[in-house]
C-alpha atoms as a PDB file:
ATOM      1  CA  UNK A   1     121.429 101.617 132.117  1.00  0.00           C
ATOM      2  CA  UNK A   2     122.402 103.132 128.760  1.00  0.00           C
ATOM      3  CA  UNK A   3     125.365 100.758 128.434  1.00  0.00           C
ATOM      4  CA  UNK A   4     122.917  97.856 128.401  1.00  0.00           C
ATOM      5  CA  UNK A   5     121.960  98.819 124.862  1.00  0.00           C
ATOM      6  CA  UNK A   6     125.367  99.935 123.598  1.00  0.00           C
ATOM      7  CA  UNK A   7     125.378  96.972 121.228  1.00  0.00           C
ATOM      8  CA  UNK A   8     122.496  98.564 119.293  1.00  0.00           C
ATOM      9  CA  UNK A   9     124.594 101.655 118.501  1.00  0.00           C
ATOM     10  CA  UNK A  10     127.992 100.126 117.842  1.00  0.00           C
ATOM     11  CA  UNK A  11     128.723 101.855 114.526  1.00  0.00           C
ATOM     12  CA  UNK A  12     129.382 100.240 111.142  1.00  0.00           C
ATOM     13  CA  UNK A  13     130.108  96.818 112.624  1.00  0.00           C
ATOM     14  CA  UNK A  14     126.829  96.906 114.503  1.00  0.00           C
ATOM     15  CA  UNK A  15     124.967  97.833 111.342  1.00  0.00           C
ATOM     16  CA  UNK A  16     126.738  95.082 109.398  1.00  0.00           C
ATOM     17  CA  UNK A  17     125.793  92.579 112.113  1.00  0.00           C
ATOM     18  CA  UNK A  18     122.178  93.765 112.028  1.00  0.00           C
ATOM     19  CA  UNK A  19     122.031  93.267 108.238  1.00  0.00           C
ATOM     20  CA  UNK A  20     123.735  89.870 108.437  1.00  0.00           C
ATOM     21  CA  UNK A  21     121.254  88.806 111.073  1.00  0.00           C
ATOM     22  CA  UNK A  22     118.310  90.067 109.038  1.00  0.00           C
ATOM     23  CA  UNK A  23     119.386  88.096 105.956  1.00  0.00           C
ATOM     24  CA  UNK A  24     119.767  84.917 107.998  1.00  0.00           C
ATOM     25  CA  UNK A  25     116.480  85.404 109.795  1.00  0.00           C
ATOM     26  CA  UNK A  26     114.473  86.202 106.684  1.00  0.00           C
ATOM     27  CA  UNK A  27     114.913  82.731 105.142  1.00  0.00           C
ATOM     28  CA  UNK A  28     111.325  81.275 105.248  1.00  0.00           C
ATOM     29  CA  UNK A  29     112.034  77.597 105.868  1.00  0.00           C
ATOM     30  CA  UNK A  30     108.367  76.674 106.334  1.00  0.00           C
ATOM     31  CA  UNK A  31     107.400  78.077 102.928  1.00  0.00           C
ATOM     32  CA  UNK A  32     110.447  76.609 101.184  1.00  0.00           C
ATOM     33  CA  UNK A  33     110.104  73.108 102.625  1.00  0.00           C
ATOM     34  CA  UNK A  34     106.349  72.792 102.019  1.00  0.00           C
ATOM     35  CA  UNK A  35     106.719  73.968  98.443  1.00  0.00           C
ATOM     36  CA  UNK A  36     109.590  71.552  97.787  1.00  0.00           C
ATOM     37  CA  UNK A  37     107.438  68.652  99.004  1.00  0.00           C
ATOM     38  CA  UNK A  38     104.330  69.708  97.085  1.00  0.00           C
ATOM     39  CA  UNK A  39     102.415  70.864 100.146  1.00  0.00           C
ATOM     40  CA  UNK A  40      99.972  73.772 100.423  1.00  0.00           C
ATOM     41  CA  UNK A  41     100.908  77.404 100.838  1.00  0.00           C
ATOM     42  CA  UNK A  42     101.094  77.765 104.616  1.00  0.00           C
ATOM     43  CA  UNK A  43      99.591  81.233 104.410  1.00  0.00           C
ATOM     44  CA  UNK A  44      96.289  79.738 103.217  1.00  0.00           C
ATOM     45  CA  UNK A  45      95.764  77.165 105.997  1.00  0.00           C
ATOM     46  CA  UNK A  46      95.308  77.154 109.761  1.00  0.00           C
ATOM     47  CA  UNK A  47      96.627  80.305 111.351  1.00  0.00           C
ATOM     48  CA  UNK A  48      98.284  81.415 108.119  1.00  0.00           C
ATOM     49  CA  UNK A  49     101.618  81.420 109.937  1.00  0.00           C
ATOM     50  CA  UNK A  50     104.813  80.229 108.213  1.00  0.00           C
ATOM     51  CA  UNK A  51     106.238  78.465 111.280  1.00  0.00           C
ATOM     52  CA  UNK A  52     106.454  74.876 112.466  1.00  0.00           C
ATOM     53  CA  UNK A  53     103.158  74.870 114.395  1.00  0.00           C
ATOM     54  CA  UNK A  54     101.232  75.658 111.225  1.00  0.00           C
ATOM     55  CA  UNK A  55     103.286  73.166 109.208  1.00  0.00           C
ATOM     56  CA  UNK A  56     102.159  70.553 111.750  1.00  0.00           C
ATOM     57  CA  UNK A  57      98.566  71.338 110.786  1.00  0.00           C
ATOM     58  CA  UNK A  58      99.307  69.888 107.332  1.00  0.00           C
ATOM     59  CA  UNK A  59      99.769  66.524 109.067  1.00  0.00           C
ATOM     60  CA  UNK A  60     103.456  66.264 108.130  1.00  0.00           C
ATOM     61  CA  UNK A  61     105.327  65.896 111.425  1.00  0.00           C
ATOM     62  CA  UNK A  62     108.745  65.448 109.799  1.00  0.00           C
ATOM     63  CA  UNK A  63     108.328  68.637 107.804  1.00  0.00           C
ATOM     64  CA  UNK A  64     107.223  70.490 110.918  1.00  0.00           C
ATOM     65  CA  UNK A  65     110.338  69.269 112.738  1.00  0.00           C
ATOM     66  CA  UNK A  66     112.576  70.389 109.866  1.00  0.00           C
ATOM     67  CA  UNK A  67     110.887  73.793 109.809  1.00  0.00           C
ATOM     68  CA  UNK A  68     111.410  74.150 113.544  1.00  0.00           C
ATOM     69  CA  UNK A  69     115.066  73.210 113.169  1.00  0.00           C
ATOM     70  CA  UNK A  70     115.640  75.603 110.274  1.00  0.00           C
ATOM     71  CA  UNK A  71     113.904  78.548 111.935  1.00  0.00           C
ATOM     72  CA  UNK A  72     115.820  77.881 115.132  1.00  0.00           C
ATOM     73  CA  UNK A  73     119.282  77.396 113.634  1.00  0.00           C
ATOM     74  CA  UNK A  74     119.091  80.512 111.461  1.00  0.00           C
ATOM     75  CA  UNK A  75     118.942  82.517 114.703  1.00  0.00           C
ATOM     76  CA  UNK A  76     121.864  80.586 116.150  1.00  0.00           C
ATOM     77  CA  UNK A  77     123.864  80.970 112.933  1.00  0.00           C
ATOM     78  CA  UNK A  78     123.282  84.725 112.813  1.00  0.00           C
ATOM     79  CA  UNK A  79     124.551  85.200 116.369  1.00  0.00           C
ATOM     80  CA  UNK A  80     127.604  82.954 116.015  1.00  0.00           C
ATOM     81  CA  UNK A  81     128.598  84.233 112.576  1.00  0.00           C
ATOM     82  CA  UNK A  82     128.347  87.873 113.594  1.00  0.00           C
ATOM     83  CA  UNK A  83     130.267  87.258 116.798  1.00  0.00           C
ATOM     84  CA  UNK A  84     133.023  85.493 114.868  1.00  0.00           C
ATOM     85  CA  UNK A  85     133.223  87.740 111.806  1.00  0.00           C
ATOM     86  CA  UNK A  86     132.330  91.154 113.147  1.00  0.00           C
ATOM     87  CA  UNK A  87     133.723  91.467 116.601  1.00  0.00           C
ATOM     88  CA  UNK A  88     132.345  89.624 119.572  1.00  0.00           C
ATOM     89  CA  UNK A  89     129.380  90.116 121.861  1.00  0.00           C
ATOM     90  CA  UNK A  90     128.009  93.435 120.595  1.00  0.00           C
ATOM     91  CA  UNK A  91     127.903  92.135 117.037  1.00  0.00           C
ATOM     92  CA  UNK A  92     126.252  88.926 118.205  1.00  0.00           C
ATOM     93  CA  UNK A  93     123.530  90.878 120.022  1.00  0.00           C
ATOM     94  CA  UNK A  94     122.883  93.136 117.040  1.00  0.00           C
ATOM     95  CA  UNK A  95     122.704  90.107 114.742  1.00  0.00           C
ATOM     96  CA  UNK A  96     120.235  88.476 117.098  1.00  0.00           C
ATOM     97  CA  UNK A  97     117.945  91.484 116.816  1.00  0.00           C
ATOM     98  CA  UNK A  98     118.366  91.475 113.040  1.00  0.00           C
ATOM     99  CA  UNK A  99     117.584  87.765 112.759  1.00  0.00           C
ATOM    100  CA  UNK A 100     114.405  88.137 114.777  1.00  0.00           C
ATOM    101  CA  UNK A 101     113.206  91.110 112.729  1.00  0.00           C
ATOM    102  CA  UNK A 102     114.092  89.200 109.557  1.00  0.00           C
ATOM    103  CA  UNK A 103     111.920  86.278 110.583  1.00  0.00           C
ATOM    104  CA  UNK A 104     108.985  88.485 111.552  1.00  0.00           C
ATOM    105  CA  UNK A 105     109.244  90.776 108.521  1.00  0.00           C
ATOM    106  CA  UNK A 106     111.064  89.008 105.643  1.00  0.00           C
ATOM    107  CA  UNK A 107     111.472  91.138 102.543  1.00  0.00           C
ATOM    108  CA  UNK A 108     110.896  88.051 100.345  1.00  0.00           C
ATOM    109  CA  UNK A 109     107.339  87.634 101.690  1.00  0.00           C
ATOM    110  CA  UNK A 110     106.331  91.304 101.593  1.00  0.00           C
ATOM    111  CA  UNK A 111     107.332  91.650 105.237  1.00  0.00           C
ATOM    112  CA  UNK A 112     104.755  89.094 106.428  1.00  0.00           C
ATOM    113  CA  UNK A 113     106.648  86.397 108.300  1.00  0.00           C
ATOM    114  CA  UNK A 114     106.341  84.175 111.331  1.00  0.00           C
ATOM    115  CA  UNK A 115     105.825  84.837 115.023  1.00  0.00           C
ATOM    116  CA  UNK A 116     109.370  84.142 116.053  1.00  0.00           C
ATOM    117  CA  UNK A 117     109.305  81.418 118.720  1.00  0.00           C
ATOM    118  CA  UNK A 118     111.821  79.049 117.112  1.00  0.00           C
ATOM    119  CA  UNK A 119     114.089  81.919 116.070  1.00  0.00           C
ATOM    120  CA  UNK A 120     113.860  83.356 119.598  1.00  0.00           C
ATOM    121  CA  UNK A 121     115.110  80.010 120.914  1.00  0.00           C
ATOM    122  CA  UNK A 122     117.842  79.799 118.282  1.00  0.00           C
ATOM    123  CA  UNK A 123     119.155  83.246 119.190  1.00  0.00           C
ATOM    124  CA  UNK A 124     119.148  82.236 122.833  1.00  0.00           C
ATOM    125  CA  UNK A 125     121.116  79.078 122.005  1.00  0.00           C
ATOM    126  CA  UNK A 126     123.782  81.213 120.347  1.00  0.00           C
ATOM    127  CA  UNK A 127     123.962  83.640 123.266  1.00  0.00           C
ATOM    128  CA  UNK A 128     123.425  81.466 126.355  1.00  0.00           C
ATOM    129  CA  UNK A 129     122.619  77.824 125.720  1.00  0.00           C
ATOM    130  CA  UNK A 130     121.930  77.037 129.385  1.00  0.00           C
ATOM    131  CA  UNK A 131     119.025  79.520 129.441  1.00  0.00           C
ATOM    132  CA  UNK A 132     117.859  78.127 126.101  1.00  0.00           C
ATOM    133  CA  UNK A 133     117.523  74.723 127.772  1.00  0.00           C
ATOM    134  CA  UNK A 134     115.384  76.262 130.503  1.00  0.00           C
ATOM    135  CA  UNK A 135     113.254  78.028 127.882  1.00  0.00           C
ATOM    136  CA  UNK A 136     112.714  74.714 126.088  1.00  0.00           C
ATOM    137  CA  UNK A 137     111.851  72.933 129.353  1.00  0.00           C
ATOM    138  CA  UNK A 138     109.289  75.604 130.247  1.00  0.00           C
ATOM    139  CA  UNK A 139     107.786  75.503 126.750  1.00  0.00           C
ATOM    140  CA  UNK A 140     107.526  71.710 126.744  1.00  0.00           C
ATOM    141  CA  UNK A 141     106.011  71.563 130.225  1.00  0.00           C
ATOM    142  CA  UNK A 142     103.301  74.109 129.491  1.00  0.00           C
ATOM    143  CA  UNK A 143     102.633  72.630 126.046  1.00  0.00           C
ATOM    144  CA  UNK A 144     102.205  69.174 127.587  1.00  0.00           C
ATOM    145  CA  UNK A 145      99.779  70.468 130.195  1.00  0.00           C
ATOM    146  CA  UNK A 146      97.790  72.924 128.077  1.00  0.00           C
ATOM    147  CA  UNK A 147      98.269  71.749 124.464  1.00  0.00           C
ATOM    148  CA  UNK A 148      98.610  75.427 123.498  1.00  0.00           C
ATOM    149  CA  UNK A 149     101.768  76.301 121.600  1.00  0.00           C
ATOM    150  CA  UNK A 150     101.110  80.032 121.872  1.00  0.00           C
ATOM    151  CA  UNK A 151     100.613  79.986 125.652  1.00  0.00           C
ATOM    152  CA  UNK A 152     103.823  77.998 126.070  1.00  0.00           C
ATOM    153  CA  UNK A 153     105.773  80.527 124.013  1.00  0.00           C
ATOM    154  CA  UNK A 154     104.292  83.531 125.783  1.00  0.00           C
ATOM    155  CA  UNK A 155     105.191  82.276 129.264  1.00  0.00           C
ATOM    156  CA  UNK A 156     108.635  80.927 128.335  1.00  0.00           C
ATOM    157  CA  UNK A 157     109.593  84.137 126.545  1.00  0.00           C
ATOM    158  CA  UNK A 158     108.379  86.302 129.424  1.00  0.00           C
ATOM    159  CA  UNK A 159     110.608  84.433 131.882  1.00  0.00           C
ATOM    160  CA  UNK A 160     113.719  84.529 129.656  1.00  0.00           C
ATOM    161  CA  UNK A 161     114.878  88.142 130.205  1.00  0.00           C
ATOM    162  CA  UNK A 162     114.165  87.765 133.926  1.00  0.00           C
ATOM    163  CA  UNK A 163     116.431  84.710 134.092  1.00  0.00           C
ATOM    164  CA  UNK A 164     119.176  86.547 132.205  1.00  0.00           C
ATOM    165  CA  UNK A 165     118.874  89.592 134.453  1.00  0.00           C
ATOM    166  CA  UNK A 166     118.596  88.010 137.892  1.00  0.00           C
ATOM    167  CA  UNK A 167     120.380  84.685 137.443  1.00  0.00           C
ATOM    168  CA  UNK A 168     122.993  85.181 134.735  1.00  0.00           C
ATOM    169  CA  UNK A 169     123.270  88.898 135.596  1.00  0.00           C
ATOM    170  CA  UNK A 170     123.886  89.866 131.976  1.00  0.00           C
ATOM    171  CA  UNK A 171     122.080  93.161 131.488  1.00  0.00           C
ATOM    172  CA  UNK A 172     122.855  93.381 127.767  1.00  0.00           C
ATOM    173  CA  UNK A 173     121.468  89.940 126.941  1.00  0.00           C
ATOM    174  CA  UNK A 174     118.472  90.573 129.186  1.00  0.00           C
ATOM    175  CA  UNK A 175     117.835  93.837 127.353  1.00  0.00           C
ATOM    176  CA  UNK A 176     117.929  92.185 123.944  1.00  0.00           C
ATOM    177  CA  UNK A 177     115.674  89.314 124.961  1.00  0.00           C
ATOM    178  CA  UNK A 178     113.245  91.774 126.574  1.00  0.00           C
ATOM    179  CA  UNK A 179     112.956  93.554 123.221  1.00  0.00           C
ATOM    180  CA  UNK A 180     112.438  90.232 121.445  1.00  0.00           C
ATOM    181  CA  UNK A 181     109.827  89.218 124.027  1.00  0.00           C
ATOM    182  CA  UNK A 182     107.871  92.422 123.413  1.00  0.00           C
ATOM    183  CA  UNK A 183     107.974  91.770 119.663  1.00  0.00           C
ATOM    184  CA  UNK A 184     106.965  88.133 120.166  1.00  0.00           C
ATOM    185  CA  UNK A 185     104.000  89.119 122.332  1.00  0.00           C
ATOM    186  CA  UNK A 186     102.964  91.725 119.758  1.00  0.00           C
ATOM    187  CA  UNK A 187     103.034  89.091 117.005  1.00  0.00           C
ATOM    188  CA  UNK A 188     100.906  86.831 119.222  1.00  0.00           C
ATOM    189  CA  UNK A 189      98.274  89.479 119.966  1.00  0.00           C
ATOM    190  CA  UNK A 190      95.579  87.564 118.042  1.00  0.00           C
ATOM    191  CA  UNK A 191      96.546  84.344 119.837  1.00  0.00           C
ATOM    192  CA  UNK A 192      96.189  86.134 123.162  1.00  0.00           C
ATOM    193  CA  UNK A 193      92.692  87.261 122.194  1.00  0.00           C
ATOM    194  CA  UNK A 194      91.757  83.702 121.181  1.00  0.00           C
ATOM    195  CA  UNK A 195      93.249  82.241 124.357  1.00  0.00           C
ATOM    196  CA  UNK A 196      91.183  84.593 126.480  1.00  0.00           C
ATOM    197  CA  UNK A 197      88.079  83.685 124.480  1.00  0.00           C
ATOM    198  CA  UNK A 198      88.798  79.927 124.588  1.00  0.00           C
ATOM    199  CA  UNK A 199      89.080  79.704 120.801  1.00  0.00           C
ATOM    200  CA  UNK A 200      92.809  79.105 120.352  1.00  0.00           C
ATOM    201  CA  UNK A 201      93.801  76.076 118.240  1.00  0.00           C
ATOM    202  CA  UNK A 202      95.669  73.325 120.023  1.00  0.00           C
ATOM    203  CA  UNK A 203      98.915  71.617 119.031  1.00  0.00           C
ATOM    204  CA  UNK A 204      98.404  69.138 116.204  1.00  0.00           C
ATOM    205  CA  UNK A 205      94.941  70.427 115.402  1.00  0.00           C
ATOM    206  CA  UNK A 206      94.352  70.626 111.664  1.00  0.00           C
ATOM    207  CA  UNK A 207      92.667  73.640 110.235  1.00  0.00           C
END
């Protein structure tokens, strides 16, 4: 089982990949785009989150879509760049972890970032795009039925490492995505409380 996490301890190249991933992941597209268009500080509205769901609460659907794309592709870029520049799969996995941590805890925002759903998907695209498609299908289906973005993310993320383990049979990728799922659930702890209490905001709801 120890070899499943060998990528996390792969020496200087692993550390370089982790840092590269962190720098990519820490770019706060939601904050940047809303400021460039004269919008409000995302941290003062709705959930206070810097991601696309909160951008949507400003009423600007195009900006929300751009935020989603940016937060997603920075995860993909981190994985592909590290794999290309720093030596294959182990570097890609380490960069994926770095990108996710960078999004959750960006140094530029005093380590108060987003909840990681789009970046989670972007990392998955870079590692195994076929599973990323399944993640997106699960998210969209649950979002359509429930109108809860958080619930969709929680269920889709929970199923991802299981798919990688039992279907793809890639223990390393499953291990990484399990770590990211734990972090994602931790960042959604307040959403979970609101879901259980019936007070969670729905998709498109302004606040």
